[in-house]
Amino acid sequence: MASSGMVRVEPVTLAWAQALAQGDDVFAERFGVPVEPGWSGFPEVIPRLGEAIADGRPTVWGSLQERQMSLAMLAKRV
């Protein structure tokens, strides 16, 4: 059973994505942050996330429709 504690959610950095792509144990050792077993439902995405960050591509999660709605709302404010 997992211990109770605080969860922090932060935007992923290139260093974090690269370490996670190498393995949860690598991330934990490098950054001193324990990784919850089974945290990633789609582990095959982690290396691609690092590639996207390195290439400067958007790393926003969500559906295309959500992004379009957000952009439309931002455009109305301008």
PDB file of N, CA and C in Angstrom:
ATOM      1  N   MET A   1       0.837  -1.170   0.000  1.00  0.00           N
ATOM      2  CA  MET A   1       0.000   0.000   0.000  1.00  0.00           C
ATOM      3  C   MET A   1       0.890   1.243   0.000  1.00  0.00           C
ATOM      4  N   ALA A   2       0.552   2.210  -0.835  1.00  0.00           N
ATOM      5  CA  ALA A   2       1.335   3.439  -0.928  1.00  0.00           C
ATOM      6  C   ALA A   2       1.105   4.299   0.306  1.00  0.00           C
ATOM      7  N   SER A   3       2.147   4.984   0.702  1.00  0.00           N
ATOM      8  CA  SER A   3       1.997   5.890   1.834  1.00  0.00           C
ATOM      9  C   SER A   3       1.295   7.161   1.381  1.00  0.00           C
ATOM     10  N   SER A   4       0.599   7.791   2.317  1.00  0.00           N
ATOM     11  CA  SER A   4      -0.058   9.036   1.949  1.00  0.00           C
ATOM     12  C   SER A   4       0.980  10.138   1.965  1.00  0.00           C
ATOM     13  N   GLY A   5       0.781  11.118   1.141  1.00  0.00           N
ATOM     14  CA  GLY A   5       1.725  12.223   1.060  1.00  0.00           C
ATOM     15  C   GLY A   5       1.234  13.236   0.057  1.00  0.00           C
ATOM     16  N   MET A   6       2.069  14.179  -0.232  1.00  0.00           N
ATOM     17  CA  MET A   6       1.712  15.236  -1.149  1.00  0.00           C
ATOM     18  C   MET A   6       2.169  14.872  -2.555  1.00  0.00           C
ATOM     19  N   VAL A   7       1.373  15.247  -3.511  1.00  0.00           N
ATOM     20  CA  VAL A   7       1.714  15.043  -4.913  1.00  0.00           C
ATOM     21  C   VAL A   7       1.940  16.411  -5.536  1.00  0.00           C
ATOM     22  N   ARG A   8       3.071  16.562  -6.211  1.00  0.00           N
ATOM     23  CA  ARG A   8       3.359  17.794  -6.950  1.00  0.00           C
ATOM     24  C   ARG A   8       3.233  17.503  -8.423  1.00  0.00           C
ATOM     25  N   VAL A   9       2.584  18.367  -9.140  1.00  0.00           N
ATOM     26  CA  VAL A   9       2.486  18.238 -10.594  1.00  0.00           C
ATOM     27  C   VAL A   9       3.201  19.437 -11.193  1.00  0.00           C
ATOM     28  N   GLU A  10       4.197  19.167 -12.006  1.00  0.00           N
ATOM     29  CA  GLU A  10       4.997  20.223 -12.605  1.00  0.00           C
ATOM     30  C   GLU A  10       5.169  19.928 -14.091  1.00  0.00           C
ATOM     31  N   PRO A  11       5.382  20.976 -14.895  1.00  0.00           N
ATOM     32  CA  PRO A  11       5.653  20.735 -16.324  1.00  0.00           C
ATOM     33  C   PRO A  11       6.932  19.923 -16.482  1.00  0.00           C
ATOM     34  N   VAL A  12       6.919  19.020 -17.397  1.00  0.00           N
ATOM     35  CA  VAL A  12       8.088  18.173 -17.617  1.00  0.00           C
ATOM     36  C   VAL A  12       9.203  18.997 -18.263  1.00  0.00           C
ATOM     37  N   THR A  13      10.424  18.705 -17.863  1.00  0.00           N
ATOM     38  CA  THR A  13      11.589  19.338 -18.478  1.00  0.00           C
ATOM     39  C   THR A  13      12.264  18.315 -19.374  1.00  0.00           C
ATOM     40  N   LEU A  14      13.148  18.784 -20.225  1.00  0.00           N
ATOM     41  CA  LEU A  14      13.879  17.882 -21.100  1.00  0.00           C
ATOM     42  C   LEU A  14      14.691  16.882 -20.273  1.00  0.00           C
ATOM     43  N   ALA A  15      15.358  17.362 -19.239  1.00  0.00           N
ATOM     44  CA  ALA A  15      16.168  16.464 -18.394  1.00  0.00           C
ATOM     45  C   ALA A  15      15.308  15.391 -17.738  1.00  0.00           C
ATOM     46  N   TRP A  16      14.123  15.789 -17.266  1.00  0.00           N
ATOM     47  CA  TRP A  16      13.228  14.807 -16.641  1.00  0.00           C
ATOM     48  C   TRP A  16      12.763  13.770 -17.654  1.00  0.00           C
ATOM     49  N   ALA A  17      12.341  14.232 -18.835  1.00  0.00           N
ATOM     50  CA  ALA A  17      11.850  13.304 -19.867  1.00  0.00           C
ATOM     51  C   ALA A  17      12.946  12.332 -20.282  1.00  0.00           C
ATOM     52  N   GLN A  18      14.163  12.840 -20.437  1.00  0.00           N
ATOM     53  CA  GLN A  18      15.272  11.961 -20.829  1.00  0.00           C
ATOM     54  C   GLN A  18      15.567  10.927 -19.747  1.00  0.00           C
ATOM     55  N   ALA A  19      15.555  11.351 -18.491  1.00  0.00           N
ATOM     56  CA  ALA A  19      15.809  10.411 -17.396  1.00  0.00           C
ATOM     57  C   ALA A  19      14.697   9.375 -17.301  1.00  0.00           C
ATOM     58  N   LEU A  20      13.438   9.812 -17.419  1.00  0.00           N
ATOM     59  CA  LEU A  20      12.315   8.865 -17.363  1.00  0.00           C
ATOM     60  C   LEU A  20      12.360   7.878 -18.521  1.00  0.00           C
ATOM     61  N   ALA A  21      12.822   8.330 -19.687  1.00  0.00           N
ATOM     62  CA  ALA A  21      12.948   7.427 -20.836  1.00  0.00           C
ATOM     63  C   ALA A  21      13.989   6.345 -20.568  1.00  0.00           C
ATOM     64  N   GLN A  22      14.979   6.668 -19.740  1.00  0.00           N
ATOM     65  CA  GLN A  22      16.003   5.687 -19.384  1.00  0.00           C
ATOM     66  C   GLN A  22      15.519   4.728 -18.305  1.00  0.00           C
ATOM     67  N   GLY A  23      14.536   5.153 -17.521  1.00  0.00           N
ATOM     68  CA  GLY A  23      13.969   4.288 -16.494  1.00  0.00           C
ATOM     69  C   GLY A  23      13.612   5.061 -15.244  1.00  0.00           C
ATOM     70  N   ASP A  24      12.609   4.576 -14.553  1.00  0.00           N
ATOM     71  CA  ASP A  24      12.171   5.226 -13.314  1.00  0.00           C
ATOM     72  C   ASP A  24      13.288   5.286 -12.282  1.00  0.00           C
ATOM     73  N   ASP A  25      14.110   4.226 -12.231  1.00  0.00           N
ATOM     74  CA  ASP A  25      15.204   4.196 -11.274  1.00  0.00           C
ATOM     75  C   ASP A  25      16.259   5.256 -11.591  1.00  0.00           C
ATOM     76  N   VAL A  26      16.486   5.510 -12.876  1.00  0.00           N
ATOM     77  CA  VAL A  26      17.433   6.551 -13.289  1.00  0.00           C
ATOM     78  C   VAL A  26      16.923   7.918 -12.840  1.00  0.00           C
ATOM     79  N   PHE A  27      15.632   8.165 -13.063  1.00  0.00           N
ATOM     80  CA  PHE A  27      15.033   9.433 -12.648  1.00  0.00           C
ATOM     81  C   PHE A  27      15.162   9.615 -11.138  1.00  0.00           C
ATOM     82  N   ALA A  28      14.794   8.583 -10.389  1.00  0.00           N
ATOM     83  CA  ALA A  28      14.828   8.666  -8.924  1.00  0.00           C
ATOM     84  C   ALA A  28      16.242   8.928  -8.411  1.00  0.00           C
ATOM     85  N   GLU A  29      17.213   8.264  -9.001  1.00  0.00           N
ATOM     86  CA  GLU A  29      18.598   8.459  -8.564  1.00  0.00           C
ATOM     87  C   GLU A  29      19.106   9.853  -8.930  1.00  0.00           C
ATOM     88  N   ARG A  30      18.808  10.284 -10.138  1.00  0.00           N
ATOM     89  CA  ARG A  30      19.325  11.562 -10.622  1.00  0.00           C
ATOM     90  C   ARG A  30      18.717  12.771  -9.910  1.00  0.00           C
ATOM     91  N   PHE A  31      17.407  12.700  -9.625  1.00  0.00           N
ATOM     92  CA  PHE A  31      16.710  13.871  -9.090  1.00  0.00           C
ATOM     93  C   PHE A  31      16.256  13.716  -7.644  1.00  0.00           C
ATOM     94  N   GLY A  32      16.473  12.537  -7.066  1.00  0.00           N
ATOM     95  CA  GLY A  32      16.101  12.333  -5.672  1.00  0.00           C
ATOM     96  C   GLY A  32      14.604  12.337  -5.436  1.00  0.00           C
ATOM     97  N   VAL A  33      13.862  11.988  -6.466  1.00  0.00           N
ATOM     98  CA  VAL A  33      12.393  11.953  -6.378  1.00  0.00           C
ATOM     99  C   VAL A  33      11.946  10.525  -6.662  1.00  0.00           C
ATOM    100  N   PRO A  34      11.299   9.878  -5.706  1.00  0.00           N
ATOM    101  CA  PRO A  34      10.826   8.512  -5.966  1.00  0.00           C
ATOM    102  C   PRO A  34       9.731   8.519  -7.031  1.00  0.00           C
ATOM    103  N   VAL A  35       9.712   7.466  -7.817  1.00  0.00           N
ATOM    104  CA  VAL A  35       8.731   7.328  -8.893  1.00  0.00           C
ATOM    105  C   VAL A  35       7.745   6.236  -8.518  1.00  0.00           C
ATOM    106  N   GLU A  36       6.471   6.557  -8.584  1.00  0.00           N
ATOM    107  CA  GLU A  36       5.410   5.599  -8.258  1.00  0.00           C
ATOM    108  C   GLU A  36       5.381   4.489  -9.311  1.00  0.00           C
ATOM    109  N   PRO A  37       5.466   3.227  -8.895  1.00  0.00           N
ATOM    110  CA  PRO A  37       5.417   2.126  -9.867  1.00  0.00           C
ATOM    111  C   PRO A  37       4.133   2.188 -10.703  1.00  0.00           C
ATOM    112  N   GLY A  38       4.288   1.983 -11.994  1.00  0.00           N
ATOM    113  CA  GLY A  38       3.142   1.960 -12.898  1.00  0.00           C
ATOM    114  C   GLY A  38       2.531   3.317 -13.177  1.00  0.00           C
ATOM    115  N   TRP A  39       3.250   4.401 -12.898  1.00  0.00           N
ATOM    116  CA  TRP A  39       2.704   5.754 -13.040  1.00  0.00           C
ATOM    117  C   TRP A  39       2.321   6.066 -14.482  1.00  0.00           C
ATOM    118  N   SER A  40       3.064   5.545 -15.434  1.00  0.00           N
ATOM    119  CA  SER A  40       2.807   5.892 -16.838  1.00  0.00           C
ATOM    120  C   SER A  40       1.947   4.828 -17.496  1.00  0.00           C
ATOM    121  N   GLY A  41       0.771   5.237 -17.911  1.00  0.00           N
ATOM    122  CA  GLY A  41      -0.104   4.311 -18.624  1.00  0.00           C
ATOM    123  C   GLY A  41       0.373   4.043 -20.047  1.00  0.00           C
ATOM    124  N   PHE A  42       1.228   4.926 -20.565  1.00  0.00           N
ATOM    125  CA  PHE A  42       1.732   4.802 -21.931  1.00  0.00           C
ATOM    126  C   PHE A  42       3.245   5.044 -21.943  1.00  0.00           C
ATOM    127  N   PRO A  43       4.028   4.095 -21.441  1.00  0.00           N
ATOM    128  CA  PRO A  43       5.471   4.314 -21.331  1.00  0.00           C
ATOM    129  C   PRO A  43       6.164   4.558 -22.674  1.00  0.00           C
ATOM    130  N   GLU A  44       5.571   4.109 -23.762  1.00  0.00           N
ATOM    131  CA  GLU A  44       6.184   4.308 -25.078  1.00  0.00           C
ATOM    132  C   GLU A  44       6.175   5.778 -25.501  1.00  0.00           C
ATOM    133  N   VAL A  45       5.399   6.607 -24.818  1.00  0.00           N
ATOM    134  CA  VAL A  45       5.306   8.032 -25.152  1.00  0.00           C
ATOM    135  C   VAL A  45       6.466   8.827 -24.547  1.00  0.00           C
ATOM    136  N   ILE A  46       7.045   8.356 -23.474  1.00  0.00           N
ATOM    137  CA  ILE A  46       8.057   9.124 -22.742  1.00  0.00           C
ATOM    138  C   ILE A  46       9.240   9.528 -23.631  1.00  0.00           C
ATOM    139  N   PRO A  47       9.844   8.628 -24.408  1.00  0.00           N
ATOM    140  CA  PRO A  47      10.947   9.073 -25.273  1.00  0.00           C
ATOM    141  C   PRO A  47      10.500  10.134 -26.285  1.00  0.00           C
ATOM    142  N   ARG A  48       9.298  10.012 -26.796  1.00  0.00           N
ATOM    143  CA  ARG A  48       8.799  10.988 -27.770  1.00  0.00           C
ATOM    144  C   ARG A  48       8.543  12.351 -27.126  1.00  0.00           C
ATOM    145  N   LEU A  49       8.176  12.346 -25.865  1.00  0.00           N
ATOM    146  CA  LEU A  49       7.984  13.597 -25.148  1.00  0.00           C
ATOM    147  C   LEU A  49       9.305  14.359 -25.062  1.00  0.00           C
ATOM    148  N   GLY A  50      10.376  13.653 -24.738  1.00  0.00           N
ATOM    149  CA  GLY A  50      11.694  14.281 -24.701  1.00  0.00           C
ATOM    150  C   GLY A  50      12.095  14.829 -26.062  1.00  0.00           C
ATOM    151  N   GLU A  51      11.788  14.080 -27.120  1.00  0.00           N
ATOM    152  CA  GLU A  51      12.087  14.544 -28.478  1.00  0.00           C
ATOM    153  C   GLU A  51      11.307  15.818 -28.793  1.00  0.00           C
ATOM    154  N   ALA A  52      10.036  15.854 -28.396  1.00  0.00           N
ATOM    155  CA  ALA A  52       9.193  17.025 -28.659  1.00  0.00           C
ATOM    156  C   ALA A  52       9.728  18.251 -27.936  1.00  0.00           C
ATOM    157  N   ILE A  53      10.156  18.077 -26.703  1.00  0.00           N
ATOM    158  CA  ILE A  53      10.705  19.196 -25.938  1.00  0.00           C
ATOM    159  C   ILE A  53      11.992  19.691 -26.599  1.00  0.00           C
ATOM    160  N   ALA A  54      12.857  18.760 -26.971  1.00  0.00           N
ATOM    161  CA  ALA A  54      14.136  19.122 -27.587  1.00  0.00           C
ATOM    162  C   ALA A  54      13.937  19.845 -28.913  1.00  0.00           C
ATOM    163  N   ASP A  55      12.895  19.454 -29.657  1.00  0.00           N
ATOM    164  CA  ASP A  55      12.603  20.066 -30.960  1.00  0.00           C
ATOM    165  C   ASP A  55      11.814  21.365 -30.847  1.00  0.00           C
ATOM    166  N   GLY A  56      11.374  21.697 -29.635  1.00  0.00           N
ATOM    167  CA  GLY A  56      10.599  22.921 -29.449  1.00  0.00           C
ATOM    168  C   GLY A  56       9.140  22.792 -29.823  1.00  0.00           C
ATOM    169  N   ARG A  57       8.666  21.549 -29.978  1.00  0.00           N
ATOM    170  CA  ARG A  57       7.247  21.340 -30.300  1.00  0.00           C
ATOM    171  C   ARG A  57       6.396  21.538 -29.053  1.00  0.00           C
ATOM    172  N   PRO A  58       5.132  21.912 -29.224  1.00  0.00           N
ATOM    173  CA  PRO A  58       4.247  22.078 -28.059  1.00  0.00           C
ATOM    174  C   PRO A  58       4.124  20.771 -27.279  1.00  0.00           C
ATOM    175  N   THR A  59       4.070  20.870 -25.970  1.00  0.00           N
ATOM    176  CA  THR A  59       3.954  19.686 -25.122  1.00  0.00           C
ATOM    177  C   THR A  59       2.632  19.691 -24.374  1.00  0.00           C
ATOM    178  N   VAL A  60       1.665  20.421 -24.909  1.00  0.00           N
ATOM    179  CA  VAL A  60       0.353  20.512 -24.275  1.00  0.00           C
ATOM    180  C   VAL A  60      -0.377  19.187 -24.455  1.00  0.00           C
ATOM    181  N   TRP A  61      -0.969  18.709 -23.359  1.00  0.00           N
ATOM    182  CA  TRP A  61      -1.754  17.488 -23.416  1.00  0.00           C
ATOM    183  C   TRP A  61      -3.208  17.863 -23.570  1.00  0.00           C
ATOM    184  N   GLY A  62      -3.963  17.010 -24.194  1.00  0.00           N
ATOM    185  CA  GLY A  62      -5.394  17.249 -24.361  1.00  0.00           C
ATOM    186  C   GLY A  62      -5.771  17.051 -25.809  1.00  0.00           C
ATOM    187  N   SER A  63      -7.049  17.197 -26.057  1.00  0.00           N
ATOM    188  CA  SER A  63      -7.539  16.965 -27.407  1.00  0.00           C
ATOM    189  C   SER A  63      -7.325  18.191 -28.275  1.00  0.00           C
ATOM    190  N   LEU A  64      -7.334  17.979 -29.552  1.00  0.00           N
ATOM    191  CA  LEU A  64      -7.219  19.080 -30.505  1.00  0.00           C
ATOM    192  C   LEU A  64      -8.375  20.056 -30.317  1.00  0.00           C
ATOM    193  N   GLN A  65      -9.563  19.530 -30.068  1.00  0.00           N
ATOM    194  CA  GLN A  65     -10.731  20.385 -29.859  1.00  0.00           C
ATOM    195  C   GLN A  65     -10.522  21.301 -28.647  1.00  0.00           C
ATOM    196  N   GLU A  66      -9.970  20.774 -27.560  1.00  0.00           N
ATOM    197  CA  GLU A  66      -9.709  21.598 -26.374  1.00  0.00           C
ATOM    198  C   GLU A  66      -8.724  22.712 -26.696  1.00  0.00           C
ATOM    199  N   ARG A  67      -7.690  22.393 -27.456  1.00  0.00           N
ATOM    200  CA  ARG A  67      -6.695  23.402 -27.819  1.00  0.00           C
ATOM    201  C   ARG A  67      -7.299  24.472 -28.713  1.00  0.00           C
ATOM    202  N   GLN A  68      -8.128  24.048 -29.661  1.00  0.00           N
ATOM    203  CA  GLN A  68      -8.760  25.014 -30.550  1.00  0.00           C
ATOM    204  C   GLN A  68      -9.681  25.942 -29.774  1.00  0.00           C
ATOM    205  N   MET A  69     -10.433  25.394 -28.816  1.00  0.00           N
ATOM    206  CA  MET A  69     -11.303  26.214 -28.004  1.00  0.00           C
ATOM    207  C   MET A  69     -10.504  27.208 -27.166  1.00  0.00           C
ATOM    208  N   SER A  70      -9.378  26.756 -26.608  1.00  0.00           N
ATOM    209  CA  SER A  70      -8.534  27.634 -25.817  1.00  0.00           C
ATOM    210  C   SER A  70      -7.977  28.762 -26.675  1.00  0.00           C
ATOM    211  N   LEU A  71      -7.523  28.432 -27.883  1.00  0.00           N
ATOM    212  CA  LEU A  71      -7.005  29.457 -28.778  1.00  0.00           C
ATOM    213  C   LEU A  71      -8.082  30.453 -29.165  1.00  0.00           C
ATOM    214  N   ALA A  72      -9.302  29.965 -29.394  1.00  0.00           N
ATOM    215  CA  ALA A  72     -10.411  30.847 -29.747  1.00  0.00           C
ATOM    216  C   ALA A  72     -10.716  31.805 -28.601  1.00  0.00           C
ATOM    217  N   MET A  73     -10.677  31.310 -27.376  1.00  0.00           N
ATOM    218  CA  MET A  73     -10.948  32.154 -26.213  1.00  0.00           C
ATOM    219  C   MET A  73      -9.837  33.196 -26.041  1.00  0.00           C
ATOM    220  N   LEU A  74      -8.606  32.810 -26.293  1.00  0.00           N
ATOM    221  CA  LEU A  74      -7.506  33.759 -26.204  1.00  0.00           C
ATOM    222  C   LEU A  74      -7.636  34.842 -27.286  1.00  0.00           C
ATOM    223  N   ALA A  75      -8.039  34.448 -28.476  1.00  0.00           N
ATOM    224  CA  ALA A  75      -8.184  35.402 -29.571  1.00  0.00           C
ATOM    225  C   ALA A  75      -9.252  36.436 -29.271  1.00  0.00           C
ATOM    226  N   LYS A  76     -10.310  36.037 -28.569  1.00  0.00           N
ATOM    227  CA  LYS A  76     -11.379  36.965 -28.217  1.00  0.00           C
ATOM    228  C   LYS A  76     -10.899  38.010 -27.223  1.00  0.00           C
ATOM    229  N   ARG A  77      -9.903  37.681 -26.413  1.00  0.00           N
ATOM    230  CA  ARG A  77      -9.396  38.611 -25.403  1.00  0.00           C
ATOM    231  C   ARG A  77      -8.523  39.693 -26.011  1.00  0.00           C
ATOM    232  N   VAL A  78      -7.933  39.389 -27.151  1.00  0.00           N
ATOM    233  CA  VAL A  78      -6.990  40.337 -27.777  1.00  0.00           C
ATOM    234  C   VAL A  78      -7.714  41.468 -28.444  1.00  0.00           C
TER     235      VAL A  78
END
